[in-house]
Amino acid sequence: MSSAADAHARLTAALGRLAADPGRPAPVVLIDGPSGAGKSSLADRIVAEWPGDVAPVLVRMDDLYPGWGGLAAAAGALGAELLGPLRRTGRGRWRRWDWAADRPAEWHEVDGVRPLIVEGCGTLTAGNAADADLCIWLDADDTLRKERALARDGLAFETHWDEWQHDFEAYLEREQPRHNADLILDVTEWPLPVQAVPRPED
């Protein structure tokens, strides 16, 4: 079995176990990894192939970051406003960041009835992982990652690449997110399509 096929089989098995227990609360799945690893595309695939009867809610960290320097703030807000309250009370919320206006936008409520998938850099802090049912970390070839990230975000990401990498490396050192993962997948060989994410260029 190829590494890609093995990774897909392990992912399918893990998701199947989550969906197979009707007595448990709606599961929470977190997907983290470096920029360009394929988190957004994998999240889309999981939503499309979810084994349960109820389609998941998908939240993207790109919608939470308060600007290019907002990785740490978004990671904290994810736990404080969405994952923690959702685990304790069955309800949580998150606030979208308006990249074009460079300011907070509307709140989005999550009721815990449907499975929740959150993808993006910063999801796998220790606190966030404790409030999730499946934590996934993605690895991919460094050259391929940068190609994917720049193809997706273009000049916007190229301009802010060094700043983002600095914040991401600080996050890695502070939170050790890879060690918080239940499932580590190398998706270098996966045919994950690149999707554009609208962000301003400055």
N, C-alpha and C. Protein backbone atom coordinates (compact mmCIF):
# COMPACT_ATOMS: atom_id res chain seq x y z
N MET A 1 0.84 -1.19 0.00
CA MET A 1 0.00 0.00 0.00
C MET A 1 0.88 1.25 0.00
N SER A 2 0.59 2.22 -0.86
CA SER A 2 1.37 3.45 -0.91
C SER A 2 1.17 4.26 0.36
N SER A 3 2.10 5.21 0.59
CA SER A 3 1.97 6.04 1.79
C SER A 3 0.69 6.86 1.75
N ALA A 4 0.31 7.34 0.56
CA ALA A 4 -0.93 8.10 0.43
C ALA A 4 -2.14 7.23 0.73
N ALA A 5 -2.14 6.01 0.20
CA ALA A 5 -3.26 5.10 0.43
C ALA A 5 -3.34 4.71 1.90
N ASP A 6 -2.19 4.51 2.53
CA ASP A 6 -2.16 4.16 3.95
C ASP A 6 -2.70 5.30 4.80
N ALA A 7 -2.28 6.52 4.48
CA ALA A 7 -2.76 7.68 5.24
C ALA A 7 -4.27 7.84 5.09
N HIS A 8 -4.77 7.66 3.87
CA HIS A 8 -6.20 7.79 3.64
C HIS A 8 -6.96 6.71 4.39
N ALA A 9 -6.42 5.49 4.43
CA ALA A 9 -7.08 4.40 5.14
C ALA A 9 -7.14 4.68 6.64
N ARG A 10 -6.06 5.21 7.20
CA ARG A 10 -6.06 5.52 8.63
C ARG A 10 -7.03 6.64 8.95
N LEU A 11 -7.11 7.64 8.07
CA LEU A 11 -8.06 8.72 8.28
C LEU A 11 -9.49 8.21 8.20
N THR A 12 -9.78 7.40 7.21
CA THR A 12 -11.13 6.85 7.04
C THR A 12 -11.54 6.04 8.26
N ALA A 13 -10.61 5.24 8.78
CA ALA A 13 -10.91 4.43 9.96
C ALA A 13 -11.19 5.30 11.18
N ALA A 14 -10.40 6.36 11.36
CA ALA A 14 -10.60 7.24 12.51
C ALA A 14 -11.93 7.96 12.43
N LEU A 15 -12.29 8.44 11.26
CA LEU A 15 -13.58 9.12 11.10
C LEU A 15 -14.73 8.15 11.28
N GLY A 16 -14.56 6.94 10.80
CA GLY A 16 -15.60 5.93 10.96
C GLY A 16 -15.87 5.62 12.42
N ARG A 17 -14.82 5.59 13.24
CA ARG A 17 -15.01 5.34 14.67
C ARG A 17 -15.80 6.47 15.33
N LEU A 18 -15.54 7.70 14.91
CA LEU A 18 -16.28 8.83 15.47
C LEU A 18 -17.76 8.75 15.13
N ALA A 19 -18.06 8.40 13.89
CA ALA A 19 -19.45 8.39 13.43
C ALA A 19 -20.21 7.16 13.88
N ALA A 20 -19.49 6.14 14.36
CA ALA A 20 -20.13 4.87 14.68
C ALA A 20 -20.79 4.86 16.05
N ASP A 21 -20.58 5.89 16.86
CA ASP A 21 -21.13 5.92 18.21
C ASP A 21 -22.25 6.95 18.28
N PRO A 22 -23.50 6.53 18.09
CA PRO A 22 -24.61 7.49 18.07
C PRO A 22 -24.90 8.12 19.43
N GLY A 23 -24.37 7.53 20.50
CA GLY A 23 -24.65 8.05 21.82
C GLY A 23 -23.75 9.19 22.26
N ARG A 24 -22.69 9.44 21.51
CA ARG A 24 -21.76 10.49 21.90
C ARG A 24 -22.20 11.84 21.33
N PRO A 25 -21.76 12.94 21.95
CA PRO A 25 -22.05 14.26 21.38
C PRO A 25 -21.44 14.38 19.99
N ALA A 26 -21.93 15.34 19.22
CA ALA A 26 -21.39 15.55 17.88
C ALA A 26 -19.87 15.76 17.97
N PRO A 27 -19.09 15.00 17.23
CA PRO A 27 -17.64 15.06 17.37
C PRO A 27 -17.03 16.35 16.83
N VAL A 28 -15.87 16.69 17.39
CA VAL A 28 -15.10 17.85 16.95
C VAL A 28 -13.77 17.35 16.39
N VAL A 29 -13.46 17.76 15.16
CA VAL A 29 -12.22 17.36 14.48
C VAL A 29 -11.40 18.61 14.21
N LEU A 30 -10.13 18.61 14.62
CA LEU A 30 -9.23 19.72 14.37
C LEU A 30 -8.14 19.29 13.39
N ILE A 31 -7.83 20.15 12.43
CA ILE A 31 -6.80 19.86 11.43
C ILE A 31 -5.78 20.99 11.44
N ASP A 32 -4.53 20.65 11.73
CA ASP A 32 -3.46 21.65 11.81
C ASP A 32 -2.29 21.19 10.95
N GLY A 33 -1.33 22.07 10.81
CA GLY A 33 -0.14 21.77 10.02
C GLY A 33 0.38 23.05 9.40
N PRO A 34 1.55 23.02 8.81
CA PRO A 34 2.14 24.22 8.23
C PRO A 34 1.38 24.71 7.01
N SER A 35 1.63 25.94 6.64
CA SER A 35 0.96 26.54 5.49
C SER A 35 1.23 25.73 4.22
N GLY A 36 0.19 25.52 3.44
CA GLY A 36 0.33 24.80 2.19
C GLY A 36 0.35 23.30 2.31
N ALA A 37 0.16 22.76 3.52
CA ALA A 37 0.18 21.31 3.69
C ALA A 37 -1.06 20.65 3.10
N GLY A 38 -2.16 21.39 2.99
CA GLY A 38 -3.38 20.83 2.43
C GLY A 38 -4.53 20.75 3.40
N LYS A 39 -4.49 21.57 4.47
CA LYS A 39 -5.53 21.50 5.50
C LYS A 39 -6.91 21.83 4.96
N SER A 40 -7.01 22.90 4.19
CA SER A 40 -8.31 23.31 3.65
C SER A 40 -8.89 22.26 2.72
N SER A 41 -8.05 21.73 1.84
CA SER A 41 -8.52 20.72 0.89
C SER A 41 -8.91 19.44 1.60
N LEU A 42 -8.13 19.04 2.62
CA LEU A 42 -8.48 17.83 3.36
C LEU A 42 -9.79 18.04 4.11
N ALA A 43 -9.99 19.22 4.69
CA ALA A 43 -11.24 19.49 5.39
C ALA A 43 -12.42 19.39 4.44
N ASP A 44 -12.28 19.93 3.23
CA ASP A 44 -13.35 19.82 2.24
C ASP A 44 -13.65 18.36 1.92
N ARG A 45 -12.59 17.57 1.81
CA ARG A 45 -12.78 16.14 1.50
C ARG A 45 -13.50 15.44 2.65
N ILE A 46 -13.12 15.76 3.89
CA ILE A 46 -13.77 15.12 5.03
C ILE A 46 -15.25 15.47 5.08
N VAL A 47 -15.57 16.74 4.83
CA VAL A 47 -16.98 17.15 4.81
C VAL A 47 -17.73 16.37 3.75
N ALA A 48 -17.15 16.25 2.57
CA ALA A 48 -17.82 15.57 1.46
C ALA A 48 -17.98 14.08 1.71
N GLU A 49 -17.02 13.48 2.44
CA GLU A 49 -17.03 12.03 2.63
C GLU A 49 -17.42 11.64 4.06
N TRP A 50 -17.97 12.57 4.83
CA TRP A 50 -18.29 12.26 6.23
C TRP A 50 -19.18 11.02 6.31
N PRO A 51 -18.82 10.05 7.15
CA PRO A 51 -19.54 8.78 7.17
C PRO A 51 -20.88 8.81 7.90
N GLY A 52 -21.19 9.85 8.63
CA GLY A 52 -22.45 9.92 9.36
C GLY A 52 -23.57 10.48 8.52
N ASP A 53 -24.76 10.53 9.13
CA ASP A 53 -25.95 11.02 8.43
C ASP A 53 -26.07 12.54 8.43
N VAL A 54 -25.38 13.20 9.36
CA VAL A 54 -25.47 14.65 9.50
C VAL A 54 -24.19 15.30 8.98
N ALA A 55 -24.32 16.21 8.04
CA ALA A 55 -23.14 16.87 7.46
C ALA A 55 -22.46 17.77 8.50
N PRO A 56 -21.14 17.78 8.53
CA PRO A 56 -20.43 18.60 9.51
C PRO A 56 -20.50 20.10 9.20
N VAL A 57 -20.29 20.89 10.25
CA VAL A 57 -20.04 22.33 10.13
C VAL A 57 -18.54 22.51 9.93
N LEU A 58 -18.15 23.35 9.00
CA LEU A 58 -16.73 23.60 8.73
C LEU A 58 -16.38 25.04 9.09
N VAL A 59 -15.38 25.19 9.94
CA VAL A 59 -14.86 26.51 10.32
C VAL A 59 -13.40 26.58 9.88
N ARG A 60 -13.05 27.66 9.21
CA ARG A 60 -11.68 27.84 8.74
C ARG A 60 -10.99 28.93 9.58
N MET A 61 -9.79 28.62 10.04
CA MET A 61 -9.05 29.60 10.84
C MET A 61 -8.74 30.86 10.05
N ASP A 62 -8.66 30.77 8.73
CA ASP A 62 -8.46 31.97 7.91
C ASP A 62 -9.53 33.02 8.19
N ASP A 63 -10.70 32.58 8.62
CA ASP A 63 -11.78 33.51 8.92
C ASP A 63 -11.69 34.09 10.33
N LEU A 64 -10.80 33.52 11.16
CA LEU A 64 -10.65 33.99 12.54
C LEU A 64 -9.43 34.87 12.76
N TYR A 65 -8.37 34.66 11.98
CA TYR A 65 -7.15 35.43 12.21
C TYR A 65 -7.43 36.93 12.11
N PRO A 66 -7.08 37.71 13.14
CA PRO A 66 -7.25 39.16 13.05
C PRO A 66 -6.05 39.80 12.33
N GLY A 67 -5.93 39.50 11.05
CA GLY A 67 -4.82 39.99 10.26
C GLY A 67 -3.66 39.01 10.22
N TRP A 68 -2.62 39.39 9.48
CA TRP A 68 -1.50 38.48 9.25
C TRP A 68 -0.74 38.14 10.53
N GLY A 69 -0.78 38.99 11.53
CA GLY A 69 -0.09 38.71 12.78
C GLY A 69 -0.99 38.11 13.84
N GLY A 70 -2.11 37.53 13.42
CA GLY A 70 -3.11 37.11 14.38
C GLY A 70 -3.20 35.63 14.68
N LEU A 71 -2.14 34.87 14.42
CA LEU A 71 -2.23 33.42 14.64
C LEU A 71 -2.49 33.10 16.11
N ALA A 72 -1.71 33.66 17.01
CA ALA A 72 -1.86 33.35 18.44
C ALA A 72 -3.22 33.80 18.96
N ALA A 73 -3.66 34.98 18.53
CA ALA A 73 -4.96 35.49 18.99
C ALA A 73 -6.10 34.60 18.53
N ALA A 74 -6.03 34.14 17.29
CA ALA A 74 -7.09 33.28 16.77
C ALA A 74 -7.10 31.92 17.45
N ALA A 75 -5.92 31.38 17.74
CA ALA A 75 -5.84 30.10 18.43
C ALA A 75 -6.48 30.20 19.81
N GLY A 76 -6.24 31.31 20.50
CA GLY A 76 -6.85 31.51 21.81
C GLY A 76 -8.34 31.71 21.74
N ALA A 77 -8.78 32.50 20.76
CA ALA A 77 -10.22 32.75 20.60
C ALA A 77 -10.97 31.48 20.24
N LEU A 78 -10.35 30.62 19.45
CA LEU A 78 -10.99 29.35 19.09
C LEU A 78 -11.35 28.55 20.32
N GLY A 79 -10.42 28.48 21.27
CA GLY A 79 -10.69 27.73 22.49
C GLY A 79 -11.64 28.43 23.43
N ALA A 80 -11.44 29.74 23.62
CA ALA A 80 -12.22 30.48 24.60
C ALA A 80 -13.66 30.71 24.17
N GLU A 81 -13.89 30.88 22.88
CA GLU A 81 -15.23 31.27 22.41
C GLU A 81 -16.00 30.15 21.71
N LEU A 82 -15.28 29.18 21.16
CA LEU A 82 -15.97 28.11 20.43
C LEU A 82 -15.80 26.75 21.08
N LEU A 83 -14.59 26.23 21.13
CA LEU A 83 -14.40 24.84 21.56
C LEU A 83 -14.71 24.63 23.04
N GLY A 84 -14.21 25.52 23.90
CA GLY A 84 -14.47 25.36 25.33
C GLY A 84 -15.95 25.44 25.67
N PRO A 85 -16.64 26.51 25.28
CA PRO A 85 -18.08 26.59 25.54
C PRO A 85 -18.87 25.46 24.89
N LEU A 86 -18.47 25.05 23.69
CA LEU A 86 -19.17 23.97 23.01
C LEU A 86 -19.08 22.68 23.81
N ARG A 87 -17.91 22.39 24.37
CA ARG A 87 -17.74 21.17 25.16
C ARG A 87 -18.49 21.25 26.48
N ARG A 88 -18.52 22.44 27.09
CA ARG A 88 -19.15 22.58 28.41
C ARG A 88 -20.67 22.72 28.33
N THR A 89 -21.16 23.45 27.33
CA THR A 89 -22.58 23.81 27.30
C THR A 89 -23.32 23.32 26.06
N GLY A 90 -22.59 22.83 25.06
CA GLY A 90 -23.23 22.41 23.83
C GLY A 90 -23.45 23.54 22.85
N ARG A 91 -22.94 24.73 23.18
CA ARG A 91 -23.06 25.88 22.27
C ARG A 91 -21.77 26.69 22.31
N GLY A 92 -21.36 27.17 21.16
CA GLY A 92 -20.20 28.04 21.08
C GLY A 92 -20.37 29.01 19.93
N ARG A 93 -19.40 29.87 19.73
CA ARG A 93 -19.49 30.83 18.64
C ARG A 93 -18.09 31.26 18.23
N TRP A 94 -18.01 31.84 17.05
CA TRP A 94 -16.75 32.41 16.58
C TRP A 94 -17.05 33.68 15.79
N ARG A 95 -16.07 34.57 15.76
CA ARG A 95 -16.27 35.85 15.08
C ARG A 95 -15.38 35.95 13.84
N ARG A 96 -16.00 36.26 12.73
CA ARG A 96 -15.27 36.39 11.47
C ARG A 96 -14.46 37.68 11.44
N TRP A 97 -13.27 37.59 10.88
CA TRP A 97 -12.46 38.78 10.65
C TRP A 97 -12.64 39.22 9.21
N ASP A 98 -12.97 40.49 9.03
CA ASP A 98 -13.14 41.06 7.69
C ASP A 98 -11.77 41.53 7.20
N TRP A 99 -11.16 40.74 6.32
CA TRP A 99 -9.81 41.06 5.85
C TRP A 99 -9.80 42.35 5.03
N ALA A 100 -10.83 42.57 4.25
CA ALA A 100 -10.86 43.77 3.40
C ALA A 100 -10.97 45.05 4.23
N ALA A 101 -11.80 45.00 5.28
CA ALA A 101 -12.00 46.18 6.13
C ALA A 101 -11.01 46.23 7.29
N ASP A 102 -10.30 45.11 7.52
CA ASP A 102 -9.32 45.01 8.60
C ASP A 102 -9.96 45.28 9.96
N ARG A 103 -11.07 44.58 10.22
CA ARG A 103 -11.76 44.74 11.50
C ARG A 103 -12.66 43.53 11.76
N PRO A 104 -13.09 43.34 13.01
CA PRO A 104 -13.99 42.23 13.31
C PRO A 104 -15.32 42.39 12.59
N ALA A 105 -15.91 41.26 12.22
CA ALA A 105 -17.20 41.27 11.54
C ALA A 105 -18.22 40.52 12.40
N GLU A 106 -19.11 39.77 11.77
CA GLU A 106 -20.24 39.17 12.48
C GLU A 106 -19.84 37.91 13.26
N TRP A 107 -20.68 37.58 14.25
CA TRP A 107 -20.52 36.35 15.02
C TRP A 107 -21.27 35.21 14.32
N HIS A 108 -20.75 33.99 14.50
CA HIS A 108 -21.40 32.79 13.98
C HIS A 108 -21.63 31.82 15.14
N GLU A 109 -22.85 31.39 15.31
CA GLU A 109 -23.20 30.47 16.39
C GLU A 109 -23.04 29.02 15.93
N VAL A 110 -22.58 28.17 16.83
CA VAL A 110 -22.44 26.73 16.57
C VAL A 110 -23.16 26.01 17.70
N ASP A 111 -24.17 25.19 17.34
CA ASP A 111 -25.03 24.62 18.38
C ASP A 111 -24.64 23.23 18.84
N GLY A 112 -23.65 22.61 18.25
CA GLY A 112 -23.21 21.31 18.71
C GLY A 112 -24.06 20.15 18.26
N VAL A 113 -25.06 20.39 17.43
CA VAL A 113 -25.90 19.31 16.92
C VAL A 113 -25.19 18.57 15.79
N ARG A 114 -24.47 19.31 14.97
CA ARG A 114 -23.74 18.72 13.85
C ARG A 114 -22.27 18.56 14.20
N PRO A 115 -21.59 17.58 13.61
CA PRO A 115 -20.14 17.48 13.80
C PRO A 115 -19.46 18.78 13.39
N LEU A 116 -18.35 19.08 14.03
CA LEU A 116 -17.61 20.31 13.76
C LEU A 116 -16.20 19.98 13.29
N ILE A 117 -15.80 20.58 12.18
CA ILE A 117 -14.43 20.46 11.69
C ILE A 117 -13.82 21.85 11.66
N VAL A 118 -12.66 22.01 12.29
CA VAL A 118 -11.95 23.28 12.27
C VAL A 118 -10.58 23.03 11.65
N GLU A 119 -10.26 23.79 10.60
CA GLU A 119 -8.97 23.60 9.94
C GLU A 119 -8.18 24.90 9.92
N GLY A 120 -6.87 24.77 10.12
CA GLY A 120 -6.01 25.93 10.00
C GLY A 120 -4.88 25.91 11.00
N CYS A 121 -3.86 26.70 10.73
CA CYS A 121 -2.74 26.84 11.65
C CYS A 121 -3.23 27.42 12.97
N GLY A 122 -2.83 26.78 14.06
CA GLY A 122 -3.20 27.27 15.38
C GLY A 122 -4.30 26.49 16.07
N THR A 123 -4.85 25.49 15.41
CA THR A 123 -5.94 24.75 16.04
C THR A 123 -5.46 23.84 17.17
N LEU A 124 -4.26 23.28 17.05
CA LEU A 124 -3.85 22.23 17.98
C LEU A 124 -3.02 22.73 19.15
N THR A 125 -3.50 23.77 19.84
CA THR A 125 -2.94 24.07 21.15
C THR A 125 -3.36 22.95 22.10
N ALA A 126 -2.68 22.85 23.23
CA ALA A 126 -3.02 21.80 24.18
C ALA A 126 -4.46 21.95 24.66
N GLY A 127 -4.87 23.18 24.94
CA GLY A 127 -6.23 23.42 25.40
C GLY A 127 -7.27 23.08 24.36
N ASN A 128 -7.03 23.47 23.12
CA ASN A 128 -7.98 23.16 22.05
C ASN A 128 -8.07 21.66 21.82
N ALA A 129 -6.93 20.99 21.83
CA ALA A 129 -6.92 19.55 21.61
C ALA A 129 -7.71 18.81 22.68
N ALA A 130 -7.68 19.32 23.91
CA ALA A 130 -8.42 18.68 25.00
C ALA A 130 -9.92 18.74 24.80
N ASP A 131 -10.38 19.71 24.00
CA ASP A 131 -11.82 19.86 23.75
C ASP A 131 -12.24 19.28 22.40
N ALA A 132 -11.38 18.46 21.80
CA ALA A 132 -11.67 17.86 20.50
C ALA A 132 -11.70 16.34 20.62
N ASP A 133 -12.31 15.70 19.63
CA ASP A 133 -12.40 14.24 19.60
C ASP A 133 -11.37 13.61 18.67
N LEU A 134 -10.92 14.35 17.68
CA LEU A 134 -9.88 13.85 16.77
C LEU A 134 -9.02 15.03 16.34
N CYS A 135 -7.72 14.92 16.57
CA CYS A 135 -6.78 15.97 16.21
C CYS A 135 -5.83 15.45 15.14
N ILE A 136 -5.79 16.14 14.01
CA ILE A 136 -5.01 15.70 12.86
C ILE A 136 -3.92 16.71 12.56
N TRP A 137 -2.71 16.21 12.37
CA TRP A 137 -1.59 17.05 11.94
C TRP A 137 -1.15 16.60 10.56
N LEU A 138 -0.96 17.55 9.65
CA LEU A 138 -0.53 17.25 8.29
C LEU A 138 0.93 17.64 8.08
N ASP A 139 1.69 16.73 7.50
CA ASP A 139 3.04 17.00 7.05
C ASP A 139 3.06 16.97 5.52
N ALA A 140 3.95 17.76 4.92
CA ALA A 140 4.14 17.72 3.48
C ALA A 140 5.51 18.29 3.16
N ASP A 141 6.02 17.96 1.99
CA ASP A 141 7.31 18.46 1.53
C ASP A 141 7.35 19.99 1.57
N ASP A 142 8.45 20.55 2.09
CA ASP A 142 8.53 22.00 2.28
C ASP A 142 8.39 22.78 0.97
N THR A 143 9.05 22.31 -0.06
CA THR A 143 8.97 23.01 -1.35
C THR A 143 7.55 22.99 -1.89
N LEU A 144 6.91 21.82 -1.80
CA LEU A 144 5.54 21.69 -2.27
C LEU A 144 4.61 22.58 -1.46
N ARG A 145 4.82 22.67 -0.16
CA ARG A 145 3.97 23.50 0.70
C ARG A 145 4.01 24.96 0.26
N LYS A 146 5.21 25.46 0.04
CA LYS A 146 5.32 26.87 -0.33
C LYS A 146 4.68 27.11 -1.70
N GLU A 147 4.87 26.17 -2.62
CA GLU A 147 4.23 26.30 -3.94
C GLU A 147 2.72 26.35 -3.80
N ARG A 148 2.17 25.46 -2.95
CA ARG A 148 0.71 25.43 -2.75
C ARG A 148 0.22 26.73 -2.13
N ALA A 149 0.94 27.18 -1.09
CA ALA A 149 0.50 28.39 -0.37
C ALA A 149 0.52 29.61 -1.28
N LEU A 150 1.58 29.76 -2.06
CA LEU A 150 1.68 30.93 -2.93
C LEU A 150 0.72 30.84 -4.11
N ALA A 151 0.46 29.61 -4.58
CA ALA A 151 -0.52 29.45 -5.65
C ALA A 151 -1.92 29.80 -5.16
N ARG A 152 -2.17 29.52 -3.88
CA ARG A 152 -3.49 29.79 -3.30
C ARG A 152 -3.68 31.26 -3.00
N ASP A 153 -2.71 31.87 -2.32
CA ASP A 153 -2.87 33.23 -1.82
C ASP A 153 -2.12 34.28 -2.62
N GLY A 154 -1.24 33.85 -3.52
CA GLY A 154 -0.57 34.76 -4.43
C GLY A 154 0.29 35.81 -3.73
N LEU A 155 0.24 37.03 -4.23
CA LEU A 155 1.09 38.11 -3.74
C LEU A 155 0.84 38.42 -2.27
N ALA A 156 -0.41 38.24 -1.82
CA ALA A 156 -0.73 38.53 -0.42
C ALA A 156 0.14 37.71 0.51
N PHE A 157 0.24 36.40 0.26
CA PHE A 157 1.02 35.54 1.13
C PHE A 157 2.52 35.74 0.91
N GLU A 158 2.94 35.95 -0.33
CA GLU A 158 4.36 36.15 -0.61
C GLU A 158 4.89 37.35 0.16
N THR A 159 4.09 38.40 0.24
CA THR A 159 4.48 39.62 0.95
C THR A 159 4.64 39.38 2.44
N HIS A 160 3.78 38.52 3.00
CA HIS A 160 3.76 38.31 4.45
C HIS A 160 4.35 36.96 4.86
N TRP A 161 5.00 36.25 3.94
CA TRP A 161 5.48 34.89 4.23
C TRP A 161 6.40 34.86 5.44
N ASP A 162 7.41 35.73 5.49
CA ASP A 162 8.38 35.71 6.58
C ASP A 162 7.72 36.01 7.92
N GLU A 163 6.83 36.99 7.94
CA GLU A 163 6.11 37.32 9.18
C GLU A 163 5.29 36.14 9.66
N TRP A 164 4.57 35.51 8.73
CA TRP A 164 3.72 34.38 9.10
C TRP A 164 4.57 33.21 9.60
N GLN A 165 5.67 32.92 8.91
CA GLN A 165 6.53 31.81 9.31
C GLN A 165 7.12 32.06 10.70
N HIS A 166 7.47 33.29 10.99
CA HIS A 166 8.00 33.62 12.32
C HIS A 166 6.97 33.31 13.39
N ASP A 167 5.73 33.73 13.17
CA ASP A 167 4.67 33.48 14.15
C ASP A 167 4.36 31.99 14.25
N PHE A 168 4.39 31.30 13.12
CA PHE A 168 4.10 29.87 13.13
C PHE A 168 5.19 29.10 13.87
N GLU A 169 6.44 29.47 13.67
CA GLU A 169 7.53 28.80 14.37
C GLU A 169 7.46 29.06 15.88
N ALA A 170 7.05 30.26 16.26
CA ALA A 170 6.85 30.55 17.69
C ALA A 170 5.73 29.69 18.25
N TYR A 171 4.68 29.52 17.47
CA TYR A 171 3.56 28.65 17.87
C TYR A 171 4.03 27.21 18.04
N LEU A 172 4.85 26.72 17.11
CA LEU A 172 5.37 25.36 17.21
C LEU A 172 6.16 25.17 18.50
N GLU A 173 7.02 26.13 18.81
CA GLU A 173 7.85 26.02 20.00
C GLU A 173 7.01 26.12 21.27
N ARG A 174 6.02 26.98 21.26
CA ARG A 174 5.20 27.22 22.46
C ARG A 174 4.23 26.08 22.73
N GLU A 175 3.57 25.58 21.70
CA GLU A 175 2.46 24.64 21.88
C GLU A 175 2.78 23.19 21.51
N GLN A 176 3.86 22.97 20.75
CA GLN A 176 4.18 21.61 20.30
C GLN A 176 2.95 20.92 19.69
N PRO A 177 2.30 21.55 18.72
CA PRO A 177 1.01 21.03 18.23
C PRO A 177 1.08 19.64 17.62
N ARG A 178 2.20 19.31 16.99
CA ARG A 178 2.31 17.97 16.39
C ARG A 178 2.17 16.88 17.45
N HIS A 179 2.64 17.17 18.65
CA HIS A 179 2.54 16.19 19.74
C HIS A 179 1.12 16.10 20.30
N ASN A 180 0.28 17.07 19.97
CA ASN A 180 -1.11 17.04 20.43
C ASN A 180 -2.02 16.29 19.46
N ALA A 181 -1.46 15.80 18.37
CA ALA A 181 -2.26 15.14 17.34
C ALA A 181 -2.52 13.67 17.66
N ASP A 182 -3.72 13.22 17.35
CA ASP A 182 -4.04 11.79 17.42
C ASP A 182 -3.61 11.07 16.16
N LEU A 183 -3.56 11.81 15.06
CA LEU A 183 -3.28 11.23 13.75
C LEU A 183 -2.35 12.18 13.00
N ILE A 184 -1.20 11.67 12.58
CA ILE A 184 -0.23 12.45 11.81
C ILE A 184 -0.16 11.87 10.40
N LEU A 185 -0.45 12.70 9.40
CA LEU A 185 -0.53 12.23 8.02
C LEU A 185 0.43 13.01 7.15
N ASP A 186 1.22 12.31 6.35
CA ASP A 186 2.04 12.95 5.32
C ASP A 186 1.22 12.96 4.04
N VAL A 187 0.84 14.16 3.60
CA VAL A 187 -0.06 14.28 2.45
C VAL A 187 0.67 14.80 1.21
N THR A 188 1.99 14.66 1.19
CA THR A 188 2.77 15.12 0.04
C THR A 188 2.26 14.52 -1.26
N GLU A 189 1.89 13.24 -1.23
CA GLU A 189 1.48 12.55 -2.45
C GLU A 189 -0.02 12.58 -2.68
N TRP A 190 -0.76 13.24 -1.81
CA TRP A 190 -2.21 13.28 -1.99
C TRP A 190 -2.57 14.28 -3.09
N PRO A 191 -3.55 13.95 -3.92
CA PRO A 191 -3.99 14.90 -4.95
C PRO A 191 -4.96 15.93 -4.38
N LEU A 192 -4.43 16.83 -3.53
CA LEU A 192 -5.27 17.84 -2.89
C LEU A 192 -5.26 19.10 -3.74
N PRO A 193 -6.42 19.53 -4.25
CA PRO A 193 -6.46 20.71 -5.10
C PRO A 193 -6.18 21.98 -4.31
N VAL A 194 -5.63 22.97 -4.97
CA VAL A 194 -5.37 24.28 -4.37
C VAL A 194 -6.57 25.17 -4.59
N GLN A 195 -7.05 25.81 -3.51
CA GLN A 195 -8.20 26.69 -3.62
C GLN A 195 -7.81 28.09 -3.16
N ALA A 196 -8.26 29.07 -3.88
CA ALA A 196 -7.93 30.46 -3.56
C ALA A 196 -8.68 30.92 -2.32
N VAL A 197 -7.99 31.66 -1.45
CA VAL A 197 -8.59 32.25 -0.26
C VAL A 197 -8.51 33.76 -0.40
N PRO A 198 -9.66 34.46 -0.41
CA PRO A 198 -9.61 35.91 -0.64
C PRO A 198 -9.01 36.66 0.53
N ARG A 199 -7.89 37.35 0.30
CA ARG A 199 -7.26 38.20 1.29
C ARG A 199 -6.73 39.43 0.58
N PRO A 200 -6.64 40.54 1.28
CA PRO A 200 -6.09 41.73 0.64
C PRO A 200 -4.59 41.58 0.42
N GLU A 201 -4.04 42.33 -0.50
CA GLU A 201 -2.62 42.23 -0.81
C GLU A 201 -1.76 43.11 0.08
N ASP A 202 -2.36 43.97 0.88
CA ASP A 202 -1.58 44.78 1.81
C ASP A 202 -2.39 45.06 3.05
